[in-house]
Amino acid sequence: MKTLTLASIYELQGLKNEALEIYKDILKKDSNNKEAKVAIKRLSGLRKKYLGVNEDMKKFFVNMDSEVEFMEFERWLAKWN
């Protein structure tokens, strides 16, 4: 079953093409799905200002091993949403 959750998991695993296809399928079924629209723009590279990767946060994300670190990352991520 193609869901936003599955697409998100693929995206987090670096399977961006697979995630993009799922988001597109979701949008075909529900043209008002805002999450799918945002994800497609992000994965298609239409949001040029976000192309640079914050290497510090990427390392932090990869090495998180506690609930406190997860919450800190979640707060940082919420700033971008």
PDB file of N, CA and C in Angstrom:
ATOM      1  N   MET A   1       0.839  -1.174   0.000  1.00  0.00           N
ATOM      2  CA  MET A   1       0.000   0.000   0.000  1.00  0.00           C
ATOM      3  C   MET A   1       0.889   1.243   0.000  1.00  0.00           C
ATOM      4  N   LYS A   2       0.640   2.149  -0.916  1.00  0.00           N
ATOM      5  CA  LYS A   2       1.439   3.360  -1.042  1.00  0.00           C
ATOM      6  C   LYS A   2       0.852   4.449  -0.145  1.00  0.00           C
ATOM      7  N   THR A   3       1.605   4.815   0.882  1.00  0.00           N
ATOM      8  CA  THR A   3       1.147   5.803   1.848  1.00  0.00           C
ATOM      9  C   THR A   3       2.217   6.867   2.055  1.00  0.00           C
ATOM     10  N   LEU A   4       1.822   7.959   2.688  1.00  0.00           N
ATOM     11  CA  LEU A   4       2.779   9.010   3.038  1.00  0.00           C
ATOM     12  C   LEU A   4       3.862   8.462   3.957  1.00  0.00           C
ATOM     13  N   THR A   5       3.468   7.575   4.849  1.00  0.00           N
ATOM     14  CA  THR A   5       4.422   6.985   5.784  1.00  0.00           C
ATOM     15  C   THR A   5       5.476   6.175   5.038  1.00  0.00           C
ATOM     16  N   LEU A   6       5.054   5.346   4.114  1.00  0.00           N
ATOM     17  CA  LEU A   6       6.004   4.551   3.341  1.00  0.00           C
ATOM     18  C   LEU A   6       6.923   5.446   2.526  1.00  0.00           C
ATOM     19  N   ALA A   7       6.369   6.467   1.894  1.00  0.00           N
ATOM     20  CA  ALA A   7       7.185   7.405   1.114  1.00  0.00           C
ATOM     21  C   ALA A   7       8.202   8.092   2.009  1.00  0.00           C
ATOM     22  N   SER A   8       7.785   8.488   3.188  1.00  0.00           N
ATOM     23  CA  SER A   8       8.680   9.143   4.139  1.00  0.00           C
ATOM     24  C   SER A   8       9.810   8.208   4.561  1.00  0.00           C
ATOM     25  N   ILE A   9       9.490   6.958   4.801  1.00  0.00           N
ATOM     26  CA  ILE A   9      10.508   5.977   5.171  1.00  0.00           C
ATOM     27  C   ILE A   9      11.506   5.808   4.026  1.00  0.00           C
ATOM     28  N   TYR A  10      11.005   5.685   2.809  1.00  0.00           N
ATOM     29  CA  TYR A  10      11.898   5.577   1.656  1.00  0.00           C
ATOM     30  C   TYR A  10      12.804   6.797   1.564  1.00  0.00           C
ATOM     31  N   GLU A  11      12.213   7.956   1.766  1.00  0.00           N
ATOM     32  CA  GLU A  11      12.982   9.202   1.689  1.00  0.00           C
ATOM     33  C   GLU A  11      14.088   9.222   2.734  1.00  0.00           C
ATOM     34  N   LEU A  12      13.771   8.838   3.947  1.00  0.00           N
ATOM     35  CA  LEU A  12      14.763   8.809   5.018  1.00  0.00           C
ATOM     36  C   LEU A  12      15.871   7.799   4.752  1.00  0.00           C
ATOM     37  N   GLN A  13      15.545   6.764   4.013  1.00  0.00           N
ATOM     38  CA  GLN A  13      16.532   5.745   3.676  1.00  0.00           C
ATOM     39  C   GLN A  13      17.356   6.127   2.443  1.00  0.00           C
ATOM     40  N   GLY A  14      17.050   7.286   1.873  1.00  0.00           N
ATOM     41  CA  GLY A  14      17.784   7.746   0.698  1.00  0.00           C
ATOM     42  C   GLY A  14      17.212   7.242  -0.618  1.00  0.00           C
ATOM     43  N   LEU A  15      16.079   6.595  -0.574  1.00  0.00           N
ATOM     44  CA  LEU A  15      15.431   6.081  -1.780  1.00  0.00           C
ATOM     45  C   LEU A  15      14.485   7.141  -2.337  1.00  0.00           C
ATOM     46  N   LYS A  16      15.081   8.235  -2.777  1.00  0.00           N
ATOM     47  CA  LYS A  16      14.303   9.410  -3.170  1.00  0.00           C
ATOM     48  C   LYS A  16      13.427   9.167  -4.400  1.00  0.00           C
ATOM     49  N   ASN A  17      13.913   8.439  -5.379  1.00  0.00           N
ATOM     50  CA  ASN A  17      13.101   8.173  -6.573  1.00  0.00           C
ATOM     51  C   ASN A  17      11.871   7.349  -6.226  1.00  0.00           C
ATOM     52  N   GLU A  18      12.049   6.346  -5.375  1.00  0.00           N
ATOM     53  CA  GLU A  18      10.926   5.514  -4.961  1.00  0.00           C
ATOM     54  C   GLU A  18       9.912   6.340  -4.168  1.00  0.00           C
ATOM     55  N   ALA A  19      10.424   7.190  -3.278  1.00  0.00           N
ATOM     56  CA  ALA A  19       9.545   8.050  -2.491  1.00  0.00           C
ATOM     57  C   ALA A  19       8.780   9.012  -3.403  1.00  0.00           C
ATOM     58  N   LEU A  20       9.482   9.590  -4.364  1.00  0.00           N
ATOM     59  CA  LEU A  20       8.859  10.534  -5.291  1.00  0.00           C
ATOM     60  C   LEU A  20       7.712   9.876  -6.057  1.00  0.00           C
ATOM     61  N   GLU A  21       7.906   8.658  -6.507  1.00  0.00           N
ATOM     62  CA  GLU A  21       6.849   7.948  -7.234  1.00  0.00           C
ATOM     63  C   GLU A  21       5.623   7.717  -6.352  1.00  0.00           C
ATOM     64  N   ILE A  22       5.850   7.393  -5.095  1.00  0.00           N
ATOM     65  CA  ILE A  22       4.717   7.193  -4.179  1.00  0.00           C
ATOM     66  C   ILE A  22       3.977   8.506  -3.956  1.00  0.00           C
ATOM     67  N   TYR A  23       4.732   9.583  -3.729  1.00  0.00           N
ATOM     68  CA  TYR A  23       4.085  10.888  -3.543  1.00  0.00           C
ATOM     69  C   TYR A  23       3.260  11.266  -4.782  1.00  0.00           C
ATOM     70  N   LYS A  24       3.785  10.988  -5.957  1.00  0.00           N
ATOM     71  CA  LYS A  24       3.048  11.297  -7.188  1.00  0.00           C
ATOM     72  C   LYS A  24       1.771  10.467  -7.287  1.00  0.00           C
ATOM     73  N   ASP A  25       1.861   9.193  -6.922  1.00  0.00           N
ATOM     74  CA  ASP A  25       0.669   8.338  -6.933  1.00  0.00           C
ATOM     75  C   ASP A  25      -0.380   8.845  -5.948  1.00  0.00           C
ATOM     76  N   ILE A  26       0.068   9.267  -4.783  1.00  0.00           N
ATOM     77  CA  ILE A  26      -0.852   9.801  -3.777  1.00  0.00           C
ATOM     78  C   ILE A  26      -1.542  11.047  -4.307  1.00  0.00           C
ATOM     79  N   LEU A  27      -0.769  11.905  -4.963  1.00  0.00           N
ATOM     80  CA  LEU A  27      -1.327  13.149  -5.502  1.00  0.00           C
ATOM     81  C   LEU A  27      -2.319  12.869  -6.634  1.00  0.00           C
ATOM     82  N   LYS A  28      -2.082  11.816  -7.404  1.00  0.00           N
ATOM     83  CA  LYS A  28      -3.035  11.452  -8.462  1.00  0.00           C
ATOM     84  C   LYS A  28      -4.384  11.067  -7.861  1.00  0.00           C
ATOM     85  N   LYS A  29      -4.347  10.396  -6.723  1.00  0.00           N
ATOM     86  CA  LYS A  29      -5.580   9.959  -6.063  1.00  0.00           C
ATOM     87  C   LYS A  29      -6.246  11.076  -5.279  1.00  0.00           C
ATOM     88  N   ASP A  30      -5.415  11.998  -4.755  1.00  0.00           N
ATOM     89  CA  ASP A  30      -5.928  13.107  -3.950  1.00  0.00           C
ATOM     90  C   ASP A  30      -5.149  14.363  -4.308  1.00  0.00           C
ATOM     91  N   SER A  31      -5.662  15.103  -5.272  1.00  0.00           N
ATOM     92  CA  SER A  31      -4.946  16.281  -5.791  1.00  0.00           C
ATOM     93  C   SER A  31      -4.819  17.409  -4.767  1.00  0.00           C
ATOM     94  N   ASN A  32      -5.477  17.297  -3.633  1.00  0.00           N
ATOM     95  CA  ASN A  32      -5.392  18.318  -2.588  1.00  0.00           C
ATOM     96  C   ASN A  32      -4.450  17.936  -1.456  1.00  0.00           C
ATOM     97  N   ASN A  33      -3.745  16.814  -1.592  1.00  0.00           N
ATOM     98  CA  ASN A  33      -2.867  16.347  -0.528  1.00  0.00           C
ATOM     99  C   ASN A  33      -1.644  17.257  -0.423  1.00  0.00           C
ATOM    100  N   LYS A  34      -1.650  18.109   0.598  1.00  0.00           N
ATOM    101  CA  LYS A  34      -0.588  19.108   0.765  1.00  0.00           C
ATOM    102  C   LYS A  34       0.767  18.465   1.055  1.00  0.00           C
ATOM    103  N   GLU A  35       0.774  17.410   1.851  1.00  0.00           N
ATOM    104  CA  GLU A  35       2.039  16.752   2.187  1.00  0.00           C
ATOM    105  C   GLU A  35       2.708  16.184   0.941  1.00  0.00           C
ATOM    106  N   ALA A  36       1.929  15.581   0.081  1.00  0.00           N
ATOM    107  CA  ALA A  36       2.473  15.020  -1.152  1.00  0.00           C
ATOM    108  C   ALA A  36       2.997  16.130  -2.061  1.00  0.00           C
ATOM    109  N   LYS A  37       2.257  17.234  -2.150  1.00  0.00           N
ATOM    110  CA  LYS A  37       2.699  18.360  -2.981  1.00  0.00           C
ATOM    111  C   LYS A  37       4.039  18.911  -2.506  1.00  0.00           C
ATOM    112  N   VAL A  38       4.160  19.118  -1.210  1.00  0.00           N
ATOM    113  CA  VAL A  38       5.402  19.651  -0.642  1.00  0.00           C
ATOM    114  C   VAL A  38       6.558  18.682  -0.880  1.00  0.00           C
ATOM    115  N   ALA A  39       6.299  17.409  -0.673  1.00  0.00           N
ATOM    116  CA  ALA A  39       7.344  16.398  -0.852  1.00  0.00           C
ATOM    117  C   ALA A  39       7.798  16.330  -2.303  1.00  0.00           C
ATOM    118  N   ILE A  40       6.871  16.417  -3.232  1.00  0.00           N
ATOM    119  CA  ILE A  40       7.223  16.379  -4.652  1.00  0.00           C
ATOM    120  C   ILE A  40       8.091  17.581  -5.010  1.00  0.00           C
ATOM    121  N   LYS A  41       7.718  18.745  -4.515  1.00  0.00           N
ATOM    122  CA  LYS A  41       8.540  19.942  -4.774  1.00  0.00           C
ATOM    123  C   LYS A  41       9.929  19.773  -4.192  1.00  0.00           C
ATOM    124  N   ARG A  42       9.987  19.258  -2.981  1.00  0.00           N
ATOM    125  CA  ARG A  42      11.274  19.069  -2.308  1.00  0.00           C
ATOM    126  C   ARG A  42      12.144  18.075  -3.073  1.00  0.00           C
ATOM    127  N   LEU A  43      11.578  16.944  -3.423  1.00  0.00           N
ATOM    128  CA  LEU A  43      12.345  15.895  -4.085  1.00  0.00           C
ATOM    129  C   LEU A  43      12.646  16.219  -5.543  1.00  0.00           C
ATOM    130  N   SER A  44      11.853  17.058  -6.144  1.00  0.00           N
ATOM    131  CA  SER A  44      12.089  17.442  -7.536  1.00  0.00           C
ATOM    132  C   SER A  44      13.094  18.573  -7.642  1.00  0.00           C
ATOM    133  N   GLY A  45      13.515  19.105  -6.521  1.00  0.00           N
ATOM    134  CA  GLY A  45      14.510  20.175  -6.533  1.00  0.00           C
ATOM    135  C   GLY A  45      13.944  21.544  -6.842  1.00  0.00           C
ATOM    136  N   LEU A  46      12.626  21.715  -6.696  1.00  0.00           N
ATOM    137  CA  LEU A  46      12.016  23.001  -6.998  1.00  0.00           C
ATOM    138  C   LEU A  46      12.236  24.027  -5.899  1.00  0.00           C
ATOM    139  N   ARG A  47      12.636  23.581  -4.741  1.00  0.00           N
ATOM    140  CA  ARG A  47      12.873  24.503  -3.633  1.00  0.00           C
ATOM    141  C   ARG A  47      14.372  24.713  -3.506  1.00  0.00           C
ATOM    142  N   LYS A  48      14.926  25.469  -4.407  1.00  0.00           N
ATOM    143  CA  LYS A  48      16.369  25.666  -4.532  1.00  0.00           C
ATOM    144  C   LYS A  48      17.026  26.157  -3.247  1.00  0.00           C
ATOM    145  N   LYS A  49      16.320  26.940  -2.463  1.00  0.00           N
ATOM    146  CA  LYS A  49      16.951  27.483  -1.263  1.00  0.00           C
ATOM    147  C   LYS A  49      17.259  26.418  -0.218  1.00  0.00           C
ATOM    148  N   TYR A  50      16.709  25.204  -0.386  1.00  0.00           N
ATOM    149  CA  TYR A  50      16.965  24.136   0.568  1.00  0.00           C
ATOM    150  C   TYR A  50      17.908  23.060   0.026  1.00  0.00           C
ATOM    151  N   LEU A  51      18.597  23.366  -1.062  1.00  0.00           N
ATOM    152  CA  LEU A  51      19.458  22.360  -1.664  1.00  0.00           C
ATOM    153  C   LEU A  51      20.657  22.015  -0.795  1.00  0.00           C
ATOM    154  N   GLY A  52      21.191  22.985  -0.069  1.00  0.00           N
ATOM    155  CA  GLY A  52      22.339  22.717   0.785  1.00  0.00           C
ATOM    156  C   GLY A  52      21.954  21.872   1.983  1.00  0.00           C
ATOM    157  N   VAL A  53      22.791  20.928   2.307  1.00  0.00           N
ATOM    158  CA  VAL A  53      22.524  20.061   3.448  1.00  0.00           C
ATOM    159  C   VAL A  53      23.240  20.611   4.665  1.00  0.00           C
ATOM    160  N   ASN A  54      22.551  20.689   5.769  1.00  0.00           N
ATOM    161  CA  ASN A  54      23.173  21.093   7.012  1.00  0.00           C
ATOM    162  C   ASN A  54      23.939  19.883   7.528  1.00  0.00           C
ATOM    163  N   GLU A  55      25.234  19.849   7.249  1.00  0.00           N
ATOM    164  CA  GLU A  55      26.047  18.680   7.571  1.00  0.00           C
ATOM    165  C   GLU A  55      26.078  18.377   9.066  1.00  0.00           C
ATOM    166  N   ASP A  56      26.087  19.420   9.896  1.00  0.00           N
ATOM    167  CA  ASP A  56      26.097  19.195  11.345  1.00  0.00           C
ATOM    168  C   ASP A  56      24.836  18.462  11.795  1.00  0.00           C
ATOM    169  N   MET A  57      23.682  18.912  11.300  1.00  0.00           N
ATOM    170  CA  MET A  57      22.434  18.262  11.696  1.00  0.00           C
ATOM    171  C   MET A  57      22.312  16.871  11.061  1.00  0.00           C
ATOM    172  N   LYS A  58      22.874  16.713   9.878  1.00  0.00           N
ATOM    173  CA  LYS A  58      22.865  15.389   9.252  1.00  0.00           C
ATOM    174  C   LYS A  58      23.642  14.401  10.120  1.00  0.00           C
ATOM    175  N   LYS A  59      24.813  14.794  10.583  1.00  0.00           N
ATOM    176  CA  LYS A  59      25.620  13.939  11.461  1.00  0.00           C
ATOM    177  C   LYS A  59      24.883  13.678  12.773  1.00  0.00           C
ATOM    178  N   PHE A  60      24.281  14.736  13.317  1.00  0.00           N
ATOM    179  CA  PHE A  60      23.518  14.604  14.556  1.00  0.00           C
ATOM    180  C   PHE A  60      22.394  13.584  14.370  1.00  0.00           C
ATOM    181  N   PHE A  61      21.653  13.700  13.252  1.00  0.00           N
ATOM    182  CA  PHE A  61      20.538  12.797  12.969  1.00  0.00           C
ATOM    183  C   PHE A  61      21.014  11.347  12.871  1.00  0.00           C
ATOM    184  N   VAL A  62      22.087  11.139  12.145  1.00  0.00           N
ATOM    185  CA  VAL A  62      22.604   9.784  11.939  1.00  0.00           C
ATOM    186  C   VAL A  62      23.054   9.151  13.255  1.00  0.00           C
ATOM    187  N   ASN A  63      23.560   9.963  14.169  1.00  0.00           N
ATOM    188  CA  ASN A  63      24.131   9.436  15.414  1.00  0.00           C
ATOM    189  C   ASN A  63      23.214   9.548  16.624  1.00  0.00           C
ATOM    190  N   MET A  64      21.974   9.978  16.436  1.00  0.00           N
ATOM    191  CA  MET A  64      21.052  10.106  17.568  1.00  0.00           C
ATOM    192  C   MET A  64      20.868   8.758  18.252  1.00  0.00           C
ATOM    193  N   ASP A  65      20.912   8.788  19.580  1.00  0.00           N
ATOM    194  CA  ASP A  65      20.684   7.523  20.285  1.00  0.00           C
ATOM    195  C   ASP A  65      19.902   7.692  21.579  1.00  0.00           C
ATOM    196  N   SER A  66      19.254   8.843  21.732  1.00  0.00           N
ATOM    197  CA  SER A  66      18.441   9.020  22.936  1.00  0.00           C
ATOM    198  C   SER A  66      17.178   9.813  22.595  1.00  0.00           C
ATOM    199  N   GLU A  67      16.215   9.697  23.466  1.00  0.00           N
ATOM    200  CA  GLU A  67      14.956  10.422  23.290  1.00  0.00           C
ATOM    201  C   GLU A  67      15.188  11.932  23.336  1.00  0.00           C
ATOM    202  N   VAL A  68      16.106  12.373  24.168  1.00  0.00           N
ATOM    203  CA  VAL A  68      16.416  13.805  24.281  1.00  0.00           C
ATOM    204  C   VAL A  68      16.970  14.326  22.951  1.00  0.00           C
ATOM    205  N   GLU A  69      17.871  13.562  22.350  1.00  0.00           N
ATOM    206  CA  GLU A  69      18.437  13.979  21.065  1.00  0.00           C
ATOM    207  C   GLU A  69      17.372  13.976  19.972  1.00  0.00           C
ATOM    208  N   PHE A  70      16.497  12.994  19.997  1.00  0.00           N
ATOM    209  CA  PHE A  70      15.403  12.948  19.032  1.00  0.00           C
ATOM    210  C   PHE A  70      14.524  14.190  19.170  1.00  0.00           C
ATOM    211  N   MET A  71      14.196  14.560  20.386  1.00  0.00           N
ATOM    212  CA  MET A  71      13.355  15.733  20.621  1.00  0.00           C
ATOM    213  C   MET A  71      14.059  17.014  20.175  1.00  0.00           C
ATOM    214  N   GLU A  72      15.356  17.103  20.400  1.00  0.00           N
ATOM    215  CA  GLU A  72      16.120  18.276  19.957  1.00  0.00           C
ATOM    216  C   GLU A  72      16.090  18.369  18.427  1.00  0.00           C
ATOM    217  N   PHE A  73      16.288  17.238  17.757  1.00  0.00           N
ATOM    218  CA  PHE A  73      16.250  17.222  16.299  1.00  0.00           C
ATOM    219  C   PHE A  73      14.859  17.581  15.796  1.00  0.00           C
ATOM    220  N   GLU A  74      13.849  17.073  16.448  1.00  0.00           N
ATOM    221  CA  GLU A  74      12.460  17.362  16.069  1.00  0.00           C
ATOM    222  C   GLU A  74      12.161  18.859  16.181  1.00  0.00           C
ATOM    223  N   ARG A  75      12.662  19.495  17.243  1.00  0.00           N
ATOM    224  CA  ARG A  75      12.475  20.948  17.399  1.00  0.00           C
ATOM    225  C   ARG A  75      13.180  21.698  16.273  1.00  0.00           C
ATOM    226  N   TRP A  76      14.401  21.285  15.952  1.00  0.00           N
ATOM    227  CA  TRP A  76      15.130  21.934  14.868  1.00  0.00           C
ATOM    228  C   TRP A  76      14.392  21.771  13.546  1.00  0.00           C
ATOM    229  N   LEU A  77      13.887  20.567  13.306  1.00  0.00           N
ATOM    230  CA  LEU A  77      13.171  20.281  12.074  1.00  0.00           C
ATOM    231  C   LEU A  77      11.879  21.099  11.964  1.00  0.00           C
ATOM    232  N   ALA A  78      11.212  21.292  13.085  1.00  0.00           N
ATOM    233  CA  ALA A  78       9.955  22.061  13.093  1.00  0.00           C
ATOM    234  C   ALA A  78      10.175  23.508  12.670  1.00  0.00           C
ATOM    235  N   LYS A  79      11.356  24.021  12.894  1.00  0.00           N
ATOM    236  CA  LYS A  79      11.652  25.397  12.459  1.00  0.00           C
ATOM    237  C   LYS A  79      11.574  25.535  10.945  1.00  0.00           C
ATOM    238  N   TRP A  80      11.842  24.455  10.220  1.00  0.00           N
ATOM    239  CA  TRP A  80      11.869  24.491   8.759  1.00  0.00           C
ATOM    240  C   TRP A  80      10.500  24.222   8.151  1.00  0.00           C
ATOM    241  N   ASN A  81       9.552  23.853   8.959  1.00  0.00           N
ATOM    242  CA  ASN A  81       8.236  23.505   8.438  1.00  0.00           C
ATOM    243  C   ASN A  81       7.266  24.625   8.519  1.00  0.00           C
TER     244      ASN A  81
END
